[in-house]
PDB file of N, CA and C in Angstrom:
ATOM      1  N   MET A   1     -56.612  58.267  52.798  1.00  0.00           N
ATOM      2  CA  MET A   1     -56.621  58.431  54.250  1.00  0.00           C
ATOM      3  C   MET A   1     -55.756  57.338  54.868  1.00  0.00           C
ATOM      4  N   SER A   2     -54.976  57.709  55.808  1.00  0.00           N
ATOM      5  CA  SER A   2     -54.071  56.747  56.427  1.00  0.00           C
ATOM      6  C   SER A   2     -54.728  56.054  57.607  1.00  0.00           C
ATOM      7  N   GLN A   3     -54.275  54.855  57.845  1.00  0.00           N
ATOM      8  CA  GLN A   3     -54.638  54.125  59.054  1.00  0.00           C
ATOM      9  C   GLN A   3     -53.727  54.636  60.169  1.00  0.00           C
ATOM     10  N   PRO A   4     -54.234  54.721  61.387  1.00  0.00           N
ATOM     11  CA  PRO A   4     -53.364  55.169  62.490  1.00  0.00           C
ATOM     12  C   PRO A   4     -52.091  54.321  62.600  1.00  0.00           C
ATOM     13  N   LYS A   5     -52.198  53.025  62.367  1.00  0.00           N
ATOM     14  CA  LYS A   5     -51.023  52.161  62.469  1.00  0.00           C
ATOM     15  C   LYS A   5     -49.982  52.495  61.404  1.00  0.00           C
ATOM     16  N   ASP A   6     -50.419  52.923  60.241  1.00  0.00           N
ATOM     17  CA  ASP A   6     -49.471  53.294  59.193  1.00  0.00           C
ATOM     18  C   ASP A   6     -48.612  54.478  59.629  1.00  0.00           C
ATOM     19  N   LEU A   7     -49.246  55.478  60.227  1.00  0.00           N
ATOM     20  CA  LEU A   7     -48.482  56.635  60.704  1.00  0.00           C
ATOM     21  C   LEU A   7     -47.534  56.256  61.835  1.00  0.00           C
ATOM     22  N   ILE A   8     -47.957  55.359  62.689  1.00  0.00           N
ATOM     23  CA  ILE A   8     -47.084  54.888  63.770  1.00  0.00           C
ATOM     24  C   ILE A   8     -45.862  54.194  63.177  1.00  0.00           C
ATOM     25  N   ARG A   9     -46.079  53.379  62.167  1.00  0.00           N
ATOM     26  CA  ARG A   9     -44.965  52.672  61.537  1.00  0.00           C
ATOM     27  C   ARG A   9     -44.038  53.633  60.802  1.00  0.00           C
ATOM     28  N   LEU A  10     -44.598  54.648  60.174  1.00  0.00           N
ATOM     29  CA  LEU A  10     -43.756  55.669  59.555  1.00  0.00           C
ATOM     30  C   LEU A  10     -42.921  56.394  60.601  1.00  0.00           C
ATOM     31  N   GLN A  11     -43.522  56.676  61.743  1.00  0.00           N
ATOM     32  CA  GLN A  11     -42.776  57.335  62.815  1.00  0.00           C
ATOM     33  C   GLN A  11     -41.655  56.430  63.320  1.00  0.00           C
ATOM     34  N   HIS A  12     -41.914  55.137  63.414  1.00  0.00           N
ATOM     35  CA  HIS A  12     -40.856  54.198  63.802  1.00  0.00           C
ATOM     36  C   HIS A  12     -39.721  54.235  62.786  1.00  0.00           C
ATOM     37  N   MET A  13     -40.076  54.206  61.507  1.00  0.00           N
ATOM     38  CA  MET A  13     -39.055  54.268  60.455  1.00  0.00           C
ATOM     39  C   MET A  13     -38.210  55.525  60.618  1.00  0.00           C
ATOM     40  N   LEU A  14     -38.877  56.642  60.836  1.00  0.00           N
ATOM     41  CA  LEU A  14     -38.175  57.918  60.990  1.00  0.00           C
ATOM     42  C   LEU A  14     -37.269  57.904  62.212  1.00  0.00           C
ATOM     43  N   ASP A  15     -37.771  57.408  63.313  1.00  0.00           N
ATOM     44  CA  ASP A  15     -36.971  57.363  64.542  1.00  0.00           C
ATOM     45  C   ASP A  15     -35.723  56.501  64.351  1.00  0.00           C
ATOM     46  N   TYR A  16     -35.879  55.322  63.747  1.00  0.00           N
ATOM     47  CA  TYR A  16     -34.739  54.426  63.542  1.00  0.00           C
ATOM     48  C   TYR A  16     -33.740  55.030  62.561  1.00  0.00           C
ATOM     49  N   ALA A  17     -34.249  55.679  61.523  1.00  0.00           N
ATOM     50  CA  ALA A  17     -33.359  56.298  60.536  1.00  0.00           C
ATOM     51  C   ALA A  17     -32.561  57.434  61.163  1.00  0.00           C
ATOM     52  N   ARG A  18     -33.221  58.240  61.952  1.00  0.00           N
ATOM     53  CA  ARG A  18     -32.512  59.330  62.639  1.00  0.00           C
ATOM     54  C   ARG A  18     -31.447  58.779  63.582  1.00  0.00           C
ATOM     55  N   GLU A  19     -31.780  57.705  64.288  1.00  0.00           N
ATOM     56  CA  GLU A  19     -30.822  57.106  65.207  1.00  0.00           C
ATOM     57  C   GLU A  19     -29.607  56.562  64.457  1.00  0.00           C
ATOM     58  N   ALA A  20     -29.842  55.930  63.310  1.00  0.00           N
ATOM     59  CA  ALA A  20     -28.727  55.422  62.507  1.00  0.00           C
ATOM     60  C   ALA A  20     -27.829  56.559  62.047  1.00  0.00           C
ATOM     61  N   LEU A  21     -28.424  57.641  61.586  1.00  0.00           N
ATOM     62  CA  LEU A  21     -27.632  58.787  61.135  1.00  0.00           C
ATOM     63  C   LEU A  21     -26.841  59.393  62.288  1.00  0.00           C
ATOM     64  N   GLU A  22     -27.458  59.440  63.450  1.00  0.00           N
ATOM     65  CA  GLU A  22     -26.761  59.973  64.617  1.00  0.00           C
ATOM     66  C   GLU A  22     -25.570  59.087  64.997  1.00  0.00           C
ATOM     67  N   LEU A  23     -25.759  57.773  64.927  1.00  0.00           N
ATOM     68  CA  LEU A  23     -24.675  56.847  65.278  1.00  0.00           C
ATOM     69  C   LEU A  23     -23.474  56.972  64.344  1.00  0.00           C
ATOM     70  N   MET A  24     -23.730  57.243  63.091  1.00  0.00           N
ATOM     71  CA  MET A  24     -22.623  57.295  62.128  1.00  0.00           C
ATOM     72  C   MET A  24     -22.038  58.699  61.965  1.00  0.00           C
ATOM     73  N   GLN A  25     -22.669  59.683  62.567  1.00  0.00           N
ATOM     74  CA  GLN A  25     -22.219  61.071  62.417  1.00  0.00           C
ATOM     75  C   GLN A  25     -20.769  61.226  62.868  1.00  0.00           C
ATOM     76  N   GLY A  26     -19.971  61.797  61.984  1.00  0.00           N
ATOM     77  CA  GLY A  26     -18.578  62.075  62.288  1.00  0.00           C
ATOM     78  C   GLY A  26     -17.661  60.871  62.267  1.00  0.00           C
ATOM     79  N   LYS A  27     -18.185  59.746  61.854  1.00  0.00           N
ATOM     80  CA  LYS A  27     -17.377  58.535  61.834  1.00  0.00           C
ATOM     81  C   LYS A  27     -16.955  58.211  60.400  1.00  0.00           C
ATOM     82  N   PRO A  28     -15.741  57.716  60.240  1.00  0.00           N
ATOM     83  CA  PRO A  28     -15.314  57.279  58.907  1.00  0.00           C
ATOM     84  C   PRO A  28     -15.802  55.854  58.622  1.00  0.00           C
ATOM     85  N   ARG A  29     -15.799  55.481  57.379  1.00  0.00           N
ATOM     86  CA  ARG A  29     -16.268  54.150  56.956  1.00  0.00           C
ATOM     87  C   ARG A  29     -15.555  53.027  57.693  1.00  0.00           C
ATOM     88  N   ASN A  30     -14.253  53.156  57.930  1.00  0.00           N
ATOM     89  CA  ASN A  30     -13.509  52.044  58.534  1.00  0.00           C
ATOM     90  C   ASN A  30     -13.931  51.763  59.970  1.00  0.00           C
ATOM     91  N   ASP A  31     -14.704  52.654  60.583  1.00  0.00           N
ATOM     92  CA  ASP A  31     -15.224  52.361  61.912  1.00  0.00           C
ATOM     93  C   ASP A  31     -16.178  51.165  61.890  1.00  0.00           C
ATOM     94  N   LEU A  32     -16.810  50.907  60.752  1.00  0.00           N
ATOM     95  CA  LEU A  32     -17.667  49.728  60.661  1.00  0.00           C
ATOM     96  C   LEU A  32     -16.856  48.444  60.792  1.00  0.00           C
ATOM     97  N   ASP A  33     -15.603  48.492  60.386  1.00  0.00           N
ATOM     98  CA  ASP A  33     -14.734  47.317  60.489  1.00  0.00           C
ATOM     99  C   ASP A  33     -14.133  47.183  61.881  1.00  0.00           C
ATOM    100  N   SER A  34     -13.830  48.302  62.517  1.00  0.00           N
ATOM    101  CA  SER A  34     -13.137  48.256  63.797  1.00  0.00           C
ATOM    102  C   SER A  34     -14.076  48.314  65.008  1.00  0.00           C
ATOM    103  N   ASP A  35     -15.294  48.763  64.821  1.00  0.00           N
ATOM    104  CA  ASP A  35     -16.250  48.891  65.920  1.00  0.00           C
ATOM    105  C   ASP A  35     -17.433  47.959  65.658  1.00  0.00           C
ATOM    106  N   ARG A  36     -17.318  46.756  66.173  1.00  0.00           N
ATOM    107  CA  ARG A  36     -18.343  45.736  65.928  1.00  0.00           C
ATOM    108  C   ARG A  36     -19.716  46.187  66.416  1.00  0.00           C
ATOM    109  N   LEU A  37     -19.778  46.836  67.565  1.00  0.00           N
ATOM    110  CA  LEU A  37     -21.071  47.280  68.087  1.00  0.00           C
ATOM    111  C   LEU A  37     -21.733  48.306  67.176  1.00  0.00           C
ATOM    112  N   LEU A  38     -20.930  49.194  66.606  1.00  0.00           N
ATOM    113  CA  LEU A  38     -21.468  50.165  65.659  1.00  0.00           C
ATOM    114  C   LEU A  38     -22.065  49.455  64.455  1.00  0.00           C
ATOM    115  N   GLY A  39     -21.332  48.526  63.897  1.00  0.00           N
ATOM    116  CA  GLY A  39     -21.830  47.782  62.741  1.00  0.00           C
ATOM    117  C   GLY A  39     -23.104  47.022  63.047  1.00  0.00           C
ATOM    118  N   LEU A  40     -23.114  46.334  64.176  1.00  0.00           N
ATOM    119  CA  LEU A  40     -24.305  45.582  64.562  1.00  0.00           C
ATOM    120  C   LEU A  40     -25.493  46.507  64.790  1.00  0.00           C
ATOM    121  N   ALA A  41     -25.259  47.634  65.426  1.00  0.00           N
ATOM    122  CA  ALA A  41     -26.340  48.580  65.691  1.00  0.00           C
ATOM    123  C   ALA A  41     -26.911  49.144  64.392  1.00  0.00           C
ATOM    124  N   LEU A  42     -26.050  49.515  63.461  1.00  0.00           N
ATOM    125  CA  LEU A  42     -26.521  50.077  62.196  1.00  0.00           C
ATOM    126  C   LEU A  42     -27.273  49.041  61.374  1.00  0.00           C
ATOM    127  N   VAL A  43     -26.767  47.827  61.345  1.00  0.00           N
ATOM    128  CA  VAL A  43     -27.470  46.761  60.624  1.00  0.00           C
ATOM    129  C   VAL A  43     -28.847  46.557  61.248  1.00  0.00           C
ATOM    130  N   ARG A  44     -28.894  46.490  62.559  1.00  0.00           N
ATOM    131  CA  ARG A  44     -30.179  46.257  63.237  1.00  0.00           C
ATOM    132  C   ARG A  44     -31.161  47.399  62.992  1.00  0.00           C
ATOM    133  N   LEU A  45     -30.700  48.623  63.040  1.00  0.00           N
ATOM    134  CA  LEU A  45     -31.587  49.754  62.774  1.00  0.00           C
ATOM    135  C   LEU A  45     -32.141  49.697  61.356  1.00  0.00           C
ATOM    136  N   MET A  46     -31.305  49.321  60.395  1.00  0.00           N
ATOM    137  CA  MET A  46     -31.785  49.203  59.014  1.00  0.00           C
ATOM    138  C   MET A  46     -32.790  48.066  58.877  1.00  0.00           C
ATOM    139  N   GLU A  47     -32.571  46.979  59.612  1.00  0.00           N
ATOM    140  CA  GLU A  47     -33.541  45.883  59.618  1.00  0.00           C
ATOM    141  C   GLU A  47     -34.889  46.371  60.161  1.00  0.00           C
ATOM    142  N   MET A  48     -34.848  47.141  61.225  1.00  0.00           N
ATOM    143  CA  MET A  48     -36.086  47.620  61.845  1.00  0.00           C
ATOM    144  C   MET A  48     -36.821  48.614  60.944  1.00  0.00           C
ATOM    145  N   ILE A  49     -36.076  49.434  60.226  1.00  0.00           N
ATOM    146  CA  ILE A  49     -36.710  50.337  59.256  1.00  0.00           C
ATOM    147  C   ILE A  49     -37.454  49.500  58.218  1.00  0.00           C
ATOM    148  N   GLY A  50     -36.791  48.473  57.721  1.00  0.00           N
ATOM    149  CA  GLY A  50     -37.416  47.606  56.720  1.00  0.00           C
ATOM    150  C   GLY A  50     -38.600  46.841  57.255  1.00  0.00           C
ATOM    151  N   GLU A  51     -38.521  46.393  58.486  1.00  0.00           N
ATOM    152  CA  GLU A  51     -39.642  45.661  59.087  1.00  0.00           C
ATOM    153  C   GLU A  51     -40.841  46.582  59.266  1.00  0.00           C
ATOM    154  N   ALA A  52     -40.600  47.797  59.735  1.00  0.00           N
ATOM    155  CA  ALA A  52     -41.702  48.757  59.876  1.00  0.00           C
ATOM    156  C   ALA A  52     -42.313  49.065  58.508  1.00  0.00           C
ATOM    157  N   ALA A  53     -41.464  49.242  57.495  1.00  0.00           N
ATOM    158  CA  ALA A  53     -41.963  49.506  56.136  1.00  0.00           C
ATOM    159  C   ALA A  53     -42.816  48.358  55.632  1.00  0.00           C
ATOM    160  N   ASN A  54     -42.401  47.151  55.924  1.00  0.00           N
ATOM    161  CA  ASN A  54     -43.125  45.960  55.481  1.00  0.00           C
ATOM    162  C   ASN A  54     -44.514  45.876  56.107  1.00  0.00           C
ATOM    163  N   ARG A  55     -44.675  46.491  57.253  1.00  0.00           N
ATOM    164  CA  ARG A  55     -45.959  46.444  57.968  1.00  0.00           C
ATOM    165  C   ARG A  55     -46.898  47.586  57.595  1.00  0.00           C
ATOM    166  N   VAL A  56     -46.416  48.509  56.789  1.00  0.00           N
ATOM    167  CA  VAL A  56     -47.285  49.589  56.292  1.00  0.00           C
ATOM    168  C   VAL A  56     -48.230  48.977  55.265  1.00  0.00           C
ATOM    169  N   SER A  57     -49.483  49.339  55.332  1.00  0.00           N
ATOM    170  CA  SER A  57     -50.491  48.742  54.449  1.00  0.00           C
ATOM    171  C   SER A  57     -50.148  48.997  52.979  1.00  0.00           C
ATOM    172  N   PRO A  58     -50.495  48.036  52.118  1.00  0.00           N
ATOM    173  CA  PRO A  58     -50.249  48.218  50.677  1.00  0.00           C
ATOM    174  C   PRO A  58     -50.917  49.470  50.113  1.00  0.00           C
ATOM    175  N   GLU A  59     -52.084  49.810  50.622  1.00  0.00           N
ATOM    176  CA  GLU A  59     -52.797  50.998  50.149  1.00  0.00           C
ATOM    177  C   GLU A  59     -52.015  52.272  50.487  1.00  0.00           C
ATOM    178  N   TYR A  60     -51.465  52.303  51.679  1.00  0.00           N
ATOM    179  CA  TYR A  60     -50.690  53.464  52.097  1.00  0.00           C
ATOM    180  C   TYR A  60     -49.397  53.555  51.294  1.00  0.00           C
ATOM    181  N   GLN A  61     -48.768  52.410  51.078  1.00  0.00           N
ATOM    182  CA  GLN A  61     -47.551  52.392  50.267  1.00  0.00           C
ATOM    183  C   GLN A  61     -47.840  52.929  48.869  1.00  0.00           C
ATOM    184  N   SER A  62     -48.942  52.500  48.287  1.00  0.00           N
ATOM    185  CA  SER A  62     -49.308  52.974  46.940  1.00  0.00           C
ATOM    186  C   SER A  62     -49.574  54.471  46.924  1.00  0.00           C
ATOM    187  N   ALA A  63     -50.178  54.968  47.991  1.00  0.00           N
ATOM    188  CA  ALA A  63     -50.501  56.395  48.067  1.00  0.00           C
ATOM    189  C   ALA A  63     -49.257  57.251  48.284  1.00  0.00           C
ATOM    190  N   HIS A  64     -48.161  56.638  48.701  1.00  0.00           N
ATOM    191  CA  HIS A  64     -46.926  57.373  48.984  1.00  0.00           C
ATOM    192  C   HIS A  64     -45.762  56.720  48.242  1.00  0.00           C
ATOM    193  N   ALA A  65     -45.893  56.741  46.934  1.00  0.00           N
ATOM    194  CA  ALA A  65     -44.915  56.073  46.063  1.00  0.00           C
ATOM    195  C   ALA A  65     -43.548  56.764  46.073  1.00  0.00           C
ATOM    196  N   SER A  66     -43.456  57.949  46.655  1.00  0.00           N
ATOM    197  CA  SER A  66     -42.164  58.640  46.721  1.00  0.00           C
ATOM    198  C   SER A  66     -41.215  57.957  47.710  1.00  0.00           C
ATOM    199  N   ILE A  67     -41.750  57.104  48.554  1.00  0.00           N
ATOM    200  CA  ILE A  67     -40.931  56.327  49.477  1.00  0.00           C
ATOM    201  C   ILE A  67     -40.590  55.010  48.788  1.00  0.00           C
ATOM    202  N   PRO A  68     -39.322  54.645  48.710  1.00  0.00           N
ATOM    203  CA  PRO A  68     -38.922  53.430  47.981  1.00  0.00           C
ATOM    204  C   PRO A  68     -39.189  52.151  48.803  1.00  0.00           C
ATOM    205  N   TRP A  69     -40.451  51.841  48.978  1.00  0.00           N
ATOM    206  CA  TRP A  69     -40.868  50.727  49.845  1.00  0.00           C
ATOM    207  C   TRP A  69     -40.159  49.422  49.510  1.00  0.00           C
ATOM    208  N   SER A  70     -40.203  49.053  48.247  1.00  0.00           N
ATOM    209  CA  SER A  70     -39.646  47.736  47.881  1.00  0.00           C
ATOM    210  C   SER A  70     -38.145  47.668  48.146  1.00  0.00           C
ATOM    211  N   GLN A  71     -37.442  48.761  47.932  1.00  0.00           N
ATOM    212  CA  GLN A  71     -36.002  48.770  48.203  1.00  0.00           C
ATOM    213  C   GLN A  71     -35.725  48.664  49.699  1.00  0.00           C
ATOM    214  N   ILE A  72     -36.508  49.361  50.488  1.00  0.00           N
ATOM    215  CA  ILE A  72     -36.327  49.323  51.944  1.00  0.00           C
ATOM    216  C   ILE A  72     -36.598  47.917  52.472  1.00  0.00           C
ATOM    217  N   ILE A  73     -37.680  47.323  52.010  1.00  0.00           N
ATOM    218  CA  ILE A  73     -38.044  45.982  52.456  1.00  0.00           C
ATOM    219  C   ILE A  73     -37.043  44.950  51.940  1.00  0.00           C
ATOM    220  N   SER A  74     -36.580  45.119  50.717  1.00  0.00           N
ATOM    221  CA  SER A  74     -35.577  44.202  50.164  1.00  0.00           C
ATOM    222  C   SER A  74     -34.271  44.265  50.946  1.00  0.00           C
ATOM    223  N   LEU A  75     -33.884  45.471  51.358  1.00  0.00           N
ATOM    224  CA  LEU A  75     -32.671  45.600  52.165  1.00  0.00           C
ATOM    225  C   LEU A  75     -32.845  44.865  53.487  1.00  0.00           C
ATOM    226  N   ARG A  76     -33.986  45.020  54.104  1.00  0.00           N
ATOM    227  CA  ARG A  76     -34.264  44.306  55.352  1.00  0.00           C
ATOM    228  C   ARG A  76     -34.121  42.808  55.146  1.00  0.00           C
ATOM    229  N   ASN A  77     -34.718  42.296  54.078  1.00  0.00           N
ATOM    230  CA  ASN A  77     -34.645  40.861  53.799  1.00  0.00           C
ATOM    231  C   ASN A  77     -33.215  40.415  53.568  1.00  0.00           C
ATOM    232  N   ARG A  78     -32.465  41.220  52.862  1.00  0.00           N
ATOM    233  CA  ARG A  78     -31.062  40.882  52.585  1.00  0.00           C
ATOM    234  C   ARG A  78     -30.245  40.860  53.872  1.00  0.00           C
ATOM    235  N   LEU A  79     -30.471  41.817  54.736  1.00  0.00           N
ATOM    236  CA  LEU A  79     -29.730  41.870  55.996  1.00  0.00           C
ATOM    237  C   LEU A  79     -30.099  40.707  56.914  1.00  0.00           C
ATOM    238  N   ILE A  80     -31.376  40.377  56.959  1.00  0.00           N
ATOM    239  CA  ILE A  80     -31.840  39.291  57.833  1.00  0.00           C
ATOM    240  C   ILE A  80     -31.387  37.937  57.304  1.00  0.00           C
ATOM    241  N   HIS A  81     -31.631  37.681  56.040  1.00  0.00           N
ATOM    242  CA  HIS A  81     -31.379  36.351  55.488  1.00  0.00           C
ATOM    243  C   HIS A  81     -29.955  36.170  54.999  1.00  0.00           C
ATOM    244  N   GLY A  82     -29.277  37.266  54.707  1.00  0.00           N
ATOM    245  CA  GLY A  82     -27.889  37.187  54.268  1.00  0.00           C
ATOM    246  C   GLY A  82     -26.957  37.725  55.330  1.00  0.00           C
ATOM    247  N   TYR A  83     -27.305  37.482  56.575  1.00  0.00           N
ATOM    248  CA  TYR A  83     -26.566  38.033  57.716  1.00  0.00           C
ATOM    249  C   TYR A  83     -25.076  37.733  57.663  1.00  0.00           C
ATOM    250  N   ASP A  84     -24.718  36.631  57.024  1.00  0.00           N
ATOM    251  CA  ASP A  84     -23.318  36.212  56.990  1.00  0.00           C
ATOM    252  C   ASP A  84     -22.538  36.814  55.826  1.00  0.00           C
ATOM    253  N   ALA A  85     -23.211  37.620  55.029  1.00  0.00           N
ATOM    254  CA  ALA A  85     -22.548  38.192  53.856  1.00  0.00           C
ATOM    255  C   ALA A  85     -22.948  39.651  53.641  1.00  0.00           C
ATOM    256  N   VAL A  86     -23.056  40.408  54.712  1.00  0.00           N
ATOM    257  CA  VAL A  86     -23.417  41.825  54.599  1.00  0.00           C
ATOM    258  C   VAL A  86     -22.207  42.592  54.081  1.00  0.00           C
ATOM    259  N   ASP A  87     -22.402  43.308  53.001  1.00  0.00           N
ATOM    260  CA  ASP A  87     -21.342  44.138  52.433  1.00  0.00           C
ATOM    261  C   ASP A  87     -21.406  45.500  53.125  1.00  0.00           C
ATOM    262  N   MET A  88     -20.461  45.718  54.021  1.00  0.00           N
ATOM    263  CA  MET A  88     -20.487  46.945  54.813  1.00  0.00           C
ATOM    264  C   MET A  88     -20.224  48.186  53.968  1.00  0.00           C
ATOM    265  N   ASP A  89     -19.543  48.054  52.832  1.00  0.00           N
ATOM    266  CA  ASP A  89     -19.365  49.198  51.939  1.00  0.00           C
ATOM    267  C   ASP A  89     -20.709  49.653  51.380  1.00  0.00           C
ATOM    268  N   ILE A  90     -21.524  48.691  50.979  1.00  0.00           N
ATOM    269  CA  ILE A  90     -22.848  49.023  50.445  1.00  0.00           C
ATOM    270  C   ILE A  90     -23.720  49.603  51.548  1.00  0.00           C
ATOM    271  N   LEU A  91     -23.670  49.001  52.726  1.00  0.00           N
ATOM    272  CA  LEU A  91     -24.455  49.520  53.846  1.00  0.00           C
ATOM    273  C   LEU A  91     -24.070  50.963  54.158  1.00  0.00           C
ATOM    274  N   TRP A  92     -22.782  51.238  54.194  1.00  0.00           N
ATOM    275  CA  TRP A  92     -22.300  52.595  54.479  1.00  0.00           C
ATOM    276  C   TRP A  92     -22.793  53.578  53.412  1.00  0.00           C
ATOM    277  N   GLU A  93     -22.776  53.143  52.180  1.00  0.00           N
ATOM    278  CA  GLU A  93     -23.249  53.994  51.084  1.00  0.00           C
ATOM    279  C   GLU A  93     -24.739  54.295  51.243  1.00  0.00           C
ATOM    280  N   ILE A  94     -25.511  53.286  51.578  1.00  0.00           N
ATOM    281  CA  ILE A  94     -26.949  53.481  51.792  1.00  0.00           C
ATOM    282  C   ILE A  94     -27.178  54.449  52.946  1.00  0.00           C
ATOM    283  N   LEU A  95     -26.451  54.247  54.023  1.00  0.00           N
ATOM    284  CA  LEU A  95     -26.600  55.114  55.191  1.00  0.00           C
ATOM    285  C   LEU A  95     -26.260  56.564  54.861  1.00  0.00           C
ATOM    286  N   GLY A  96     -25.176  56.768  54.129  1.00  0.00           N
ATOM    287  CA  GLY A  96     -24.724  58.120  53.849  1.00  0.00           C
ATOM    288  C   GLY A  96     -25.449  58.814  52.716  1.00  0.00           C
ATOM    289  N   GLN A  97     -25.859  58.036  51.710  1.00  0.00           N
ATOM    290  CA  GLN A  97     -26.445  58.652  50.515  1.00  0.00           C
ATOM    291  C   GLN A  97     -27.971  58.581  50.471  1.00  0.00           C
ATOM    292  N   ASP A  98     -28.531  57.495  50.948  1.00  0.00           N
ATOM    293  CA  ASP A  98     -29.973  57.295  50.810  1.00  0.00           C
ATOM    294  C   ASP A  98     -30.774  57.640  52.062  1.00  0.00           C
ATOM    295  N   LEU A  99     -30.197  57.368  53.213  1.00  0.00           N
ATOM    296  CA  LEU A  99     -30.952  57.559  54.451  1.00  0.00           C
ATOM    297  C   LEU A  99     -31.330  59.019  54.726  1.00  0.00           C
ATOM    298  N   PRO A 100     -30.457  59.997  54.472  1.00  0.00           N
ATOM    299  CA  PRO A 100     -30.888  61.385  54.705  1.00  0.00           C
ATOM    300  C   PRO A 100     -32.114  61.777  53.871  1.00  0.00           C
ATOM    301  N   GLY A 101     -32.172  61.326  52.639  1.00  0.00           N
ATOM    302  CA  GLY A 101     -33.335  61.610  51.799  1.00  0.00           C
ATOM    303  C   GLY A 101     -34.589  60.924  52.300  1.00  0.00           C
ATOM    304  N   LEU A 102     -34.428  59.703  52.809  1.00  0.00           N
ATOM    305  CA  LEU A 102     -35.570  58.996  53.376  1.00  0.00           C
ATOM    306  C   LEU A 102     -36.089  59.733  54.608  1.00  0.00           C
ATOM    307  N   VAL A 103     -35.194  60.203  55.446  1.00  0.00           N
ATOM    308  CA  VAL A 103     -35.601  60.966  56.634  1.00  0.00           C
ATOM    309  C   VAL A 103     -36.413  62.182  56.208  1.00  0.00           C
ATOM    310  N   ALA A 104     -35.935  62.920  55.231  1.00  0.00           N
ATOM    311  CA  ALA A 104     -36.647  64.114  54.765  1.00  0.00           C
ATOM    312  C   ALA A 104     -38.028  63.753  54.214  1.00  0.00           C
ATOM    313  N   GLU A 105     -38.108  62.685  53.458  1.00  0.00           N
ATOM    314  CA  GLU A 105     -39.392  62.267  52.878  1.00  0.00           C
ATOM    315  C   GLU A 105     -40.356  61.806  53.971  1.00  0.00           C
ATOM    316  N   LEU A 106     -39.865  61.034  54.918  1.00  0.00           N
ATOM    317  CA  LEU A 106     -40.722  60.580  56.018  1.00  0.00           C
ATOM    318  C   LEU A 106     -41.224  61.767  56.840  1.00  0.00           C
ATOM    319  N   GLU A 107     -40.344  62.724  57.114  1.00  0.00           N
ATOM    320  CA  GLU A 107     -40.759  63.917  57.854  1.00  0.00           C
ATOM    321  C   GLU A 107     -41.873  64.643  57.119  1.00  0.00           C
ATOM    322  N   SER A 108     -41.726  64.779  55.813  1.00  0.00           N
ATOM    323  CA  SER A 108     -42.718  65.480  55.008  1.00  0.00           C
ATOM    324  C   SER A 108     -44.062  64.751  55.015  1.00  0.00           C
ATOM    325  N   VAL A 109     -44.021  63.454  54.811  1.00  0.00           N
ATOM    326  CA  VAL A 109     -45.256  62.667  54.778  1.00  0.00           C
ATOM    327  C   VAL A 109     -45.943  62.696  56.140  1.00  0.00           C
ATOM    328  N   ILE A 110     -45.190  62.499  57.190  1.00  0.00           N
ATOM    329  CA  ILE A 110     -45.766  62.501  58.543  1.00  0.00           C
ATOM    330  C   ILE A 110     -46.384  63.862  58.862  1.00  0.00           C
ATOM    331  N   LEU A 111     -45.711  64.926  58.490  1.00  0.00           N
ATOM    332  CA  LEU A 111     -46.235  66.269  58.722  1.00  0.00           C
ATOM    333  C   LEU A 111     -47.560  66.471  57.993  1.00  0.00           C
ATOM    334  N   ARG A 112     -47.597  66.084  56.721  1.00  0.00           N
ATOM    335  CA  ARG A 112     -48.844  66.221  55.937  1.00  0.00           C
ATOM    336  C   ARG A 112     -49.956  65.355  56.499  1.00  0.00           C
ATOM    337  N   GLU A 113     -49.634  64.121  56.824  1.00  0.00           N
ATOM    338  CA  GLU A 113     -50.663  63.167  57.246  1.00  0.00           C
ATOM    339  C   GLU A 113     -51.178  63.427  58.660  1.00  0.00           C
ATOM    340  N   SER A 114     -50.312  63.902  59.523  1.00  0.00           N
ATOM    341  CA  SER A 114     -50.730  64.106  60.917  1.00  0.00           C
ATOM    342  C   SER A 114     -51.351  65.488  61.128  1.00  0.00           C
ATOM    343  N   GLY A 115     -51.096  66.379  60.179  1.00  0.00           N
ATOM    344  CA  GLY A 115     -51.650  67.721  60.297  1.00  0.00           C
ATOM    345  C   GLY A 115     -51.012  68.578  61.362  1.00  0.00           C
ATOM    346  N   THR A 116     -49.792  68.189  61.768  1.00  0.00           N
ATOM    347  CA  THR A 116     -49.091  68.986  62.797  1.00  0.00           C
ATOM    348  C   THR A 116     -47.955  69.747  62.207  1.00  0.00           C
TER     349      THR A 116
END
């Protein structure tokens, strides 16, 4: 059984992930180099996804092992603490390859857990 706060945090993760995907839609990778605001926004959204994930209870994380909690939280830590050495190629790859799957998984879990 989920805690209400866990579902709220999952919804935050989903909202931030969707926003990141929307921001990068139709943009080429080199826009991260030429559009500083885009890069900053995407980094910040990924940080917020990781922060929300970090606040999900350990019990809930264990019950939903299909979500790569440790990777999400590790990325957040890397972005926050390694702010001066963010590899935008890796970030772009995560956004394009991993984030759509995370959105689908979060949608599925939220649907099952909320009963809507």
